């Protein structure tokens, strides 16, 4: 259940299957309803490793806004925004800590020039094992690359959609090539592990804004 970047593999699928143009806004389609991403309950947990997994750092990133188009119970399109200024590391002591400074710097996410990242869903299909396969593009540091996700989708009593998905990306695909110093035990691995929790509210069903 790990997402990956690159061309979509041949994966068994059943039920709903939709593919949209990357820039197409499909809100308000006749067979779909539009949900609003809840930034108070949506977030990403990240894990970065060093020395081929011998050490690691972990933390969170906020999802600040977005929408999903739901059809037959699954998100078939949509986009959500990631607040890159919100990156926090467990055990860090604030924005001026060495790790926070490194992540915000030009060596990594260059948050001064690229304050947000986005993930846009361009295709979706049901798969075996209760999974939903999402095709999408992650735009990070101004570069857009395909990232395919196997997500578990649920709905609660308020008609909300709740998605959980583990995602694995190679940071070099977005031009993040800094490796750190071997002598300082800072040799940073290329793979970054993300655990996405996305909650989208059915505003029309709840009657709230």
C-alpha atoms as a PDB file:
ATOM      1  CA  UNK A   1       0.000   0.000   0.000  1.00  0.00           C
ATOM      2  CA  UNK A   2       2.787   2.406  -0.890  1.00  0.00           C
ATOM      3  CA  UNK A   3       2.338   5.104  -3.477  1.00  0.00           C
ATOM      4  CA  UNK A   4       5.049   5.780  -5.987  1.00  0.00           C
ATOM      5  CA  UNK A   5       6.083   8.370  -8.531  1.00  0.00           C
ATOM      6  CA  UNK A   6       6.260   7.589 -12.224  1.00  0.00           C
ATOM      7  CA  UNK A   7       4.081   6.043 -14.915  1.00  0.00           C
ATOM      8  CA  UNK A   8       0.984   4.287 -13.644  1.00  0.00           C
ATOM      9  CA  UNK A   9       1.501   0.531 -13.349  1.00  0.00           C
ATOM     10  CA  UNK A  10      -0.949  -2.091 -14.550  1.00  0.00           C
ATOM     11  CA  UNK A  11      -3.154  -2.547 -11.485  1.00  0.00           C
ATOM     12  CA  UNK A  12      -6.332  -4.563 -11.185  1.00  0.00           C
ATOM     13  CA  UNK A  13      -9.354  -2.314 -10.752  1.00  0.00           C
ATOM     14  CA  UNK A  14     -13.100  -2.625 -10.402  1.00  0.00           C
ATOM     15  CA  UNK A  15     -16.093  -0.270 -10.406  1.00  0.00           C
ATOM     16  CA  UNK A  16     -15.803   3.483 -10.907  1.00  0.00           C
ATOM     17  CA  UNK A  17     -12.942   4.664 -13.086  1.00  0.00           C
ATOM     18  CA  UNK A  18     -12.444   8.294 -14.129  1.00  0.00           C
ATOM     19  CA  UNK A  19      -9.599  10.139 -15.828  1.00  0.00           C
ATOM     20  CA  UNK A  20      -9.571  13.946 -16.164  1.00  0.00           C
ATOM     21  CA  UNK A  21      -7.243  16.456 -17.760  1.00  0.00           C
ATOM     22  CA  UNK A  22      -4.707  17.730 -15.167  1.00  0.00           C
ATOM     23  CA  UNK A  23      -6.086  21.277 -15.268  1.00  0.00           C
ATOM     24  CA  UNK A  24      -9.765  20.398 -15.532  1.00  0.00           C
ATOM     25  CA  UNK A  25     -12.115  21.647 -12.796  1.00  0.00           C
ATOM     26  CA  UNK A  26     -14.928  19.090 -12.546  1.00  0.00           C
ATOM     27  CA  UNK A  27     -16.830  20.538  -9.603  1.00  0.00           C
ATOM     28  CA  UNK A  28     -20.584  20.427  -9.990  1.00  0.00           C
ATOM     29  CA  UNK A  29     -20.710  17.446 -12.360  1.00  0.00           C
ATOM     30  CA  UNK A  30     -24.135  15.827 -12.733  1.00  0.00           C
ATOM     31  CA  UNK A  31     -23.221  12.571 -10.954  1.00  0.00           C
ATOM     32  CA  UNK A  32     -20.845  13.969  -8.338  1.00  0.00           C
ATOM     33  CA  UNK A  33     -20.877  16.064  -5.185  1.00  0.00           C
ATOM     34  CA  UNK A  34     -18.129  18.435  -4.090  1.00  0.00           C
ATOM     35  CA  UNK A  35     -16.578  18.218  -0.631  1.00  0.00           C
ATOM     36  CA  UNK A  36     -14.469  20.847   1.114  1.00  0.00           C
ATOM     37  CA  UNK A  37     -11.187  19.788   2.716  1.00  0.00           C
ATOM     38  CA  UNK A  38     -11.139  20.422   6.479  1.00  0.00           C
ATOM     39  CA  UNK A  39      -7.728  21.911   7.399  1.00  0.00           C
ATOM     40  CA  UNK A  40      -8.314  21.361  11.126  1.00  0.00           C
ATOM     41  CA  UNK A  41      -8.284  17.564  10.758  1.00  0.00           C
ATOM     42  CA  UNK A  42      -6.225  17.047   7.577  1.00  0.00           C
ATOM     43  CA  UNK A  43      -2.458  16.652   7.823  1.00  0.00           C
ATOM     44  CA  UNK A  44       0.596  14.722   6.649  1.00  0.00           C
ATOM     45  CA  UNK A  45       3.041  12.863   8.848  1.00  0.00           C
ATOM     46  CA  UNK A  46       6.470  12.709   7.248  1.00  0.00           C
ATOM     47  CA  UNK A  47       9.499  10.524   7.894  1.00  0.00           C
ATOM     48  CA  UNK A  48      12.963  11.129   6.500  1.00  0.00           C
ATOM     49  CA  UNK A  49      15.856   8.743   7.036  1.00  0.00           C
ATOM     50  CA  UNK A  50      19.632   8.985   6.958  1.00  0.00           C
ATOM     51  CA  UNK A  51      22.429   6.502   6.430  1.00  0.00           C
ATOM     52  CA  UNK A  52      20.146   4.064   4.575  1.00  0.00           C
ATOM     53  CA  UNK A  53      17.558   3.980   7.343  1.00  0.00           C
ATOM     54  CA  UNK A  54      19.862   3.781  10.372  1.00  0.00           C
ATOM     55  CA  UNK A  55      18.561   7.132  11.638  1.00  0.00           C
ATOM     56  CA  UNK A  56      15.389   9.096  11.036  1.00  0.00           C
ATOM     57  CA  UNK A  57      13.496  12.317  11.653  1.00  0.00           C
ATOM     58  CA  UNK A  58       9.704  12.652  11.787  1.00  0.00           C
ATOM     59  CA  UNK A  59       7.135  15.391  11.924  1.00  0.00           C
ATOM     60  CA  UNK A  60       3.968  16.866  10.418  1.00  0.00           C
ATOM     61  CA  UNK A  61       2.817  19.221   7.654  1.00  0.00           C
ATOM     62  CA  UNK A  62      -0.555  20.983   7.523  1.00  0.00           C
ATOM     63  CA  UNK A  63      -3.007  20.632   4.654  1.00  0.00           C
ATOM     64  CA  UNK A  64      -4.441  24.130   4.357  1.00  0.00           C
ATOM     65  CA  UNK A  65      -7.356  23.835   1.916  1.00  0.00           C
ATOM     66  CA  UNK A  66      -8.790  22.050  -1.109  1.00  0.00           C
ATOM     67  CA  UNK A  67     -11.777  20.204  -2.498  1.00  0.00           C
ATOM     68  CA  UNK A  68     -12.661  16.688  -3.608  1.00  0.00           C
ATOM     69  CA  UNK A  69     -15.269  15.559  -6.125  1.00  0.00           C
ATOM     70  CA  UNK A  70     -16.965  12.388  -4.884  1.00  0.00           C
ATOM     71  CA  UNK A  71     -18.750   9.954  -7.148  1.00  0.00           C
ATOM     72  CA  UNK A  72     -20.164   6.616  -5.980  1.00  0.00           C
ATOM     73  CA  UNK A  73     -18.372   7.027  -2.669  1.00  0.00           C
ATOM     74  CA  UNK A  74     -14.834   7.725  -3.897  1.00  0.00           C
ATOM     75  CA  UNK A  75     -12.883  10.893  -4.772  1.00  0.00           C
ATOM     76  CA  UNK A  76     -12.608  10.985  -8.566  1.00  0.00           C
ATOM     77  CA  UNK A  77     -11.021  14.433  -8.832  1.00  0.00           C
ATOM     78  CA  UNK A  78      -9.903  17.380  -6.735  1.00  0.00           C
ATOM     79  CA  UNK A  79      -6.910  19.196  -5.365  1.00  0.00           C
ATOM     80  CA  UNK A  80      -5.489  19.972  -1.928  1.00  0.00           C
ATOM     81  CA  UNK A  81      -2.879  22.485  -0.815  1.00  0.00           C
ATOM     82  CA  UNK A  82       0.030  21.744   1.527  1.00  0.00           C
ATOM     83  CA  UNK A  83       1.361  24.601   3.672  1.00  0.00           C
ATOM     84  CA  UNK A  84       5.145  24.194   3.382  1.00  0.00           C
ATOM     85  CA  UNK A  85       5.740  26.835   6.065  1.00  0.00           C
ATOM     86  CA  UNK A  86       4.007  24.523   8.556  1.00  0.00           C
ATOM     87  CA  UNK A  87       6.608  21.734   8.449  1.00  0.00           C
ATOM     88  CA  UNK A  88       7.351  20.693  12.028  1.00  0.00           C
ATOM     89  CA  UNK A  89       9.742  18.066  13.327  1.00  0.00           C
ATOM     90  CA  UNK A  90       9.257  16.036  16.492  1.00  0.00           C
ATOM     91  CA  UNK A  91      11.787  17.091  19.107  1.00  0.00           C
ATOM     92  CA  UNK A  92      12.473  20.394  17.347  1.00  0.00           C
ATOM     93  CA  UNK A  93      12.496  23.547  19.464  1.00  0.00           C
ATOM     94  CA  UNK A  94      10.943  25.994  17.013  1.00  0.00           C
ATOM     95  CA  UNK A  95      11.358  27.716  13.676  1.00  0.00           C
ATOM     96  CA  UNK A  96      15.009  28.588  14.374  1.00  0.00           C
ATOM     97  CA  UNK A  97      16.086  25.012  15.113  1.00  0.00           C
ATOM     98  CA  UNK A  98      18.748  23.504  12.791  1.00  0.00           C
ATOM     99  CA  UNK A  99      16.356  21.001  11.196  1.00  0.00           C
ATOM    100  CA  UNK A 100      13.559  23.536  10.639  1.00  0.00           C
ATOM    101  CA  UNK A 101      16.069  25.936   9.118  1.00  0.00           C
ATOM    102  CA  UNK A 102      17.430  23.241   6.802  1.00  0.00           C
ATOM    103  CA  UNK A 103      13.975  22.128   5.606  1.00  0.00           C
ATOM    104  CA  UNK A 104      12.954  25.717   4.828  1.00  0.00           C
ATOM    105  CA  UNK A 105      16.219  26.512   3.050  1.00  0.00           C
ATOM    106  CA  UNK A 106      17.097  26.443  -0.648  1.00  0.00           C
ATOM    107  CA  UNK A 107      18.756  23.056  -0.045  1.00  0.00           C
ATOM    108  CA  UNK A 108      15.346  21.527   0.607  1.00  0.00           C
ATOM    109  CA  UNK A 109      11.876  23.033   0.170  1.00  0.00           C
ATOM    110  CA  UNK A 110      12.806  26.692  -0.416  1.00  0.00           C
ATOM    111  CA  UNK A 111       9.666  27.794   1.388  1.00  0.00           C
ATOM    112  CA  UNK A 112      10.434  31.461   0.834  1.00  0.00           C
ATOM    113  CA  UNK A 113       9.951  30.978  -2.917  1.00  0.00           C
ATOM    114  CA  UNK A 114       7.545  28.027  -2.782  1.00  0.00           C
ATOM    115  CA  UNK A 115       5.277  28.459   0.266  1.00  0.00           C
ATOM    116  CA  UNK A 116       2.787  25.797  -0.858  1.00  0.00           C
ATOM    117  CA  UNK A 117       2.725  22.434  -2.589  1.00  0.00           C
ATOM    118  CA  UNK A 118      -0.334  20.908  -4.243  1.00  0.00           C
ATOM    119  CA  UNK A 119      -1.631  17.469  -5.102  1.00  0.00           C
ATOM    120  CA  UNK A 120      -4.189  17.273  -7.929  1.00  0.00           C
ATOM    121  CA  UNK A 121      -6.175  14.077  -8.500  1.00  0.00           C
ATOM    122  CA  UNK A 122      -6.604  13.380 -12.223  1.00  0.00           C
ATOM    123  CA  UNK A 123      -7.905   9.802 -12.139  1.00  0.00           C
ATOM    124  CA  UNK A 124      -9.434   7.276  -9.751  1.00  0.00           C
ATOM    125  CA  UNK A 125     -10.590   3.677  -9.714  1.00  0.00           C
ATOM    126  CA  UNK A 126     -11.720   1.112  -7.189  1.00  0.00           C
ATOM    127  CA  UNK A 127      -9.259  -1.714  -6.571  1.00  0.00           C
ATOM    128  CA  UNK A 128      -9.182  -5.003  -4.732  1.00  0.00           C
ATOM    129  CA  UNK A 129      -8.754  -5.123  -0.962  1.00  0.00           C
ATOM    130  CA  UNK A 130     -11.004  -2.132  -0.405  1.00  0.00           C
ATOM    131  CA  UNK A 131      -8.467   0.314  -1.844  1.00  0.00           C
ATOM    132  CA  UNK A 132      -9.002   3.255  -4.163  1.00  0.00           C
ATOM    133  CA  UNK A 133      -6.215   3.916  -6.656  1.00  0.00           C
ATOM    134  CA  UNK A 134      -5.626   7.624  -7.262  1.00  0.00           C
ATOM    135  CA  UNK A 135      -3.575   9.057 -10.105  1.00  0.00           C
ATOM    136  CA  UNK A 136      -2.362  12.587  -9.525  1.00  0.00           C
ATOM    137  CA  UNK A 137       0.365  15.170  -9.810  1.00  0.00           C
ATOM    138  CA  UNK A 138       2.364  16.534  -6.882  1.00  0.00           C
ATOM    139  CA  UNK A 139       3.694  20.046  -7.455  1.00  0.00           C
ATOM    140  CA  UNK A 140       6.620  20.800  -5.136  1.00  0.00           C
ATOM    141  CA  UNK A 141       9.254  23.505  -5.534  1.00  0.00           C
ATOM    142  CA  UNK A 142       7.513  24.528  -8.742  1.00  0.00           C
ATOM    143  CA  UNK A 143       7.903  21.097 -10.359  1.00  0.00           C
ATOM    144  CA  UNK A 144       4.971  18.779 -11.082  1.00  0.00           C
ATOM    145  CA  UNK A 145       5.543  15.029 -11.041  1.00  0.00           C
ATOM    146  CA  UNK A 146       3.066  12.104 -11.164  1.00  0.00           C
ATOM    147  CA  UNK A 147       2.411  10.372  -7.849  1.00  0.00           C
ATOM    148  CA  UNK A 148       0.076   7.375  -7.658  1.00  0.00           C
ATOM    149  CA  UNK A 149      -1.627   6.586  -4.358  1.00  0.00           C
ATOM    150  CA  UNK A 150      -3.417   3.551  -2.946  1.00  0.00           C
ATOM    151  CA  UNK A 151      -5.849   5.016  -0.409  1.00  0.00           C
ATOM    152  CA  UNK A 152      -8.392   3.700   2.056  1.00  0.00           C
ATOM    153  CA  UNK A 153     -11.587   5.723   1.851  1.00  0.00           C
ATOM    154  CA  UNK A 154     -14.365   5.845   4.448  1.00  0.00           C
ATOM    155  CA  UNK A 155     -17.428   7.990   5.132  1.00  0.00           C
ATOM    156  CA  UNK A 156     -18.755   8.950   8.546  1.00  0.00           C
ATOM    157  CA  UNK A 157     -22.273   9.694   9.751  1.00  0.00           C
ATOM    158  CA  UNK A 158     -21.997  13.328   8.634  1.00  0.00           C
ATOM    159  CA  UNK A 159     -21.442  12.300   5.004  1.00  0.00           C
ATOM    160  CA  UNK A 160     -17.780  13.342   5.286  1.00  0.00           C
ATOM    161  CA  UNK A 161     -15.057  11.548   3.355  1.00  0.00           C
ATOM    162  CA  UNK A 162     -11.983  10.356   5.263  1.00  0.00           C
ATOM    163  CA  UNK A 163      -8.930   9.160   3.331  1.00  0.00           C
ATOM    164  CA  UNK A 164      -5.737   7.557   4.662  1.00  0.00           C
ATOM    165  CA  UNK A 165      -2.795   6.827   2.387  1.00  0.00           C
ATOM    166  CA  UNK A 166       0.903   5.991   2.767  1.00  0.00           C
ATOM    167  CA  UNK A 167       2.981   7.724   0.103  1.00  0.00           C
ATOM    168  CA  UNK A 168       6.636   7.246  -0.788  1.00  0.00           C
ATOM    169  CA  UNK A 169       8.446   9.820  -2.940  1.00  0.00           C
ATOM    170  CA  UNK A 170      12.011  10.347  -4.108  1.00  0.00           C
ATOM    171  CA  UNK A 171      12.884  13.954  -3.307  1.00  0.00           C
ATOM    172  CA  UNK A 172      15.395  14.119  -6.193  1.00  0.00           C
ATOM    173  CA  UNK A 173      12.453  14.057  -8.624  1.00  0.00           C
ATOM    174  CA  UNK A 174      11.659  17.587  -7.424  1.00  0.00           C
ATOM    175  CA  UNK A 175      15.250  18.799  -7.545  1.00  0.00           C
ATOM    176  CA  UNK A 176      16.051  18.307  -3.852  1.00  0.00           C
ATOM    177  CA  UNK A 177      19.561  16.845  -4.069  1.00  0.00           C
ATOM    178  CA  UNK A 178      21.200  17.938  -0.803  1.00  0.00           C
ATOM    179  CA  UNK A 179      22.751  14.996   1.064  1.00  0.00           C
ATOM    180  CA  UNK A 180      24.420  16.556   4.096  1.00  0.00           C
ATOM    181  CA  UNK A 181      27.707  15.472   5.644  1.00  0.00           C
ATOM    182  CA  UNK A 182      28.806  11.909   6.285  1.00  0.00           C
ATOM    183  CA  UNK A 183      31.248  13.130   8.923  1.00  0.00           C
ATOM    184  CA  UNK A 184      28.440  14.814  10.884  1.00  0.00           C
ATOM    185  CA  UNK A 185      26.159  11.756  10.608  1.00  0.00           C
ATOM    186  CA  UNK A 186      23.849  13.792   8.375  1.00  0.00           C
ATOM    187  CA  UNK A 187      23.889  11.764   5.147  1.00  0.00           C
ATOM    188  CA  UNK A 188      20.227  12.061   4.113  1.00  0.00           C
ATOM    189  CA  UNK A 189      18.472   9.329   2.116  1.00  0.00           C
ATOM    190  CA  UNK A 190      16.507  10.160  -1.028  1.00  0.00           C
ATOM    191  CA  UNK A 191      13.186   8.557  -0.116  1.00  0.00           C
ATOM    192  CA  UNK A 192      10.641  10.473   1.957  1.00  0.00           C
ATOM    193  CA  UNK A 193       7.698   8.647   3.560  1.00  0.00           C
ATOM    194  CA  UNK A 194       4.380  10.462   3.910  1.00  0.00           C
ATOM    195  CA  UNK A 195       1.260   9.292   5.751  1.00  0.00           C
ATOM    196  CA  UNK A 196      -1.645  11.404   4.518  1.00  0.00           C
ATOM    197  CA  UNK A 197      -4.875  11.922   6.463  1.00  0.00           C
ATOM    198  CA  UNK A 198      -7.431  13.894   4.471  1.00  0.00           C
ATOM    199  CA  UNK A 199     -10.902  14.813   5.737  1.00  0.00           C
ATOM    200  CA  UNK A 200     -13.376  16.474   3.369  1.00  0.00           C
ATOM    201  CA  UNK A 201     -16.729  17.808   4.549  1.00  0.00           C
ATOM    202  CA  UNK A 202     -20.035  17.614   2.748  1.00  0.00           C
ATOM    203  CA  UNK A 203     -21.072  21.197   3.390  1.00  0.00           C
ATOM    204  CA  UNK A 204     -24.420  20.812   1.607  1.00  0.00           C
ATOM    205  CA  UNK A 205     -25.386  17.788   3.733  1.00  0.00           C
ATOM    206  CA  UNK A 206     -24.429  19.396   7.050  1.00  0.00           C
ATOM    207  CA  UNK A 207     -25.791  22.826   6.178  1.00  0.00           C
ATOM    208  CA  UNK A 208     -22.641  24.495   7.545  1.00  0.00           C
ATOM    209  CA  UNK A 209     -20.110  26.811   5.925  1.00  0.00           C
END
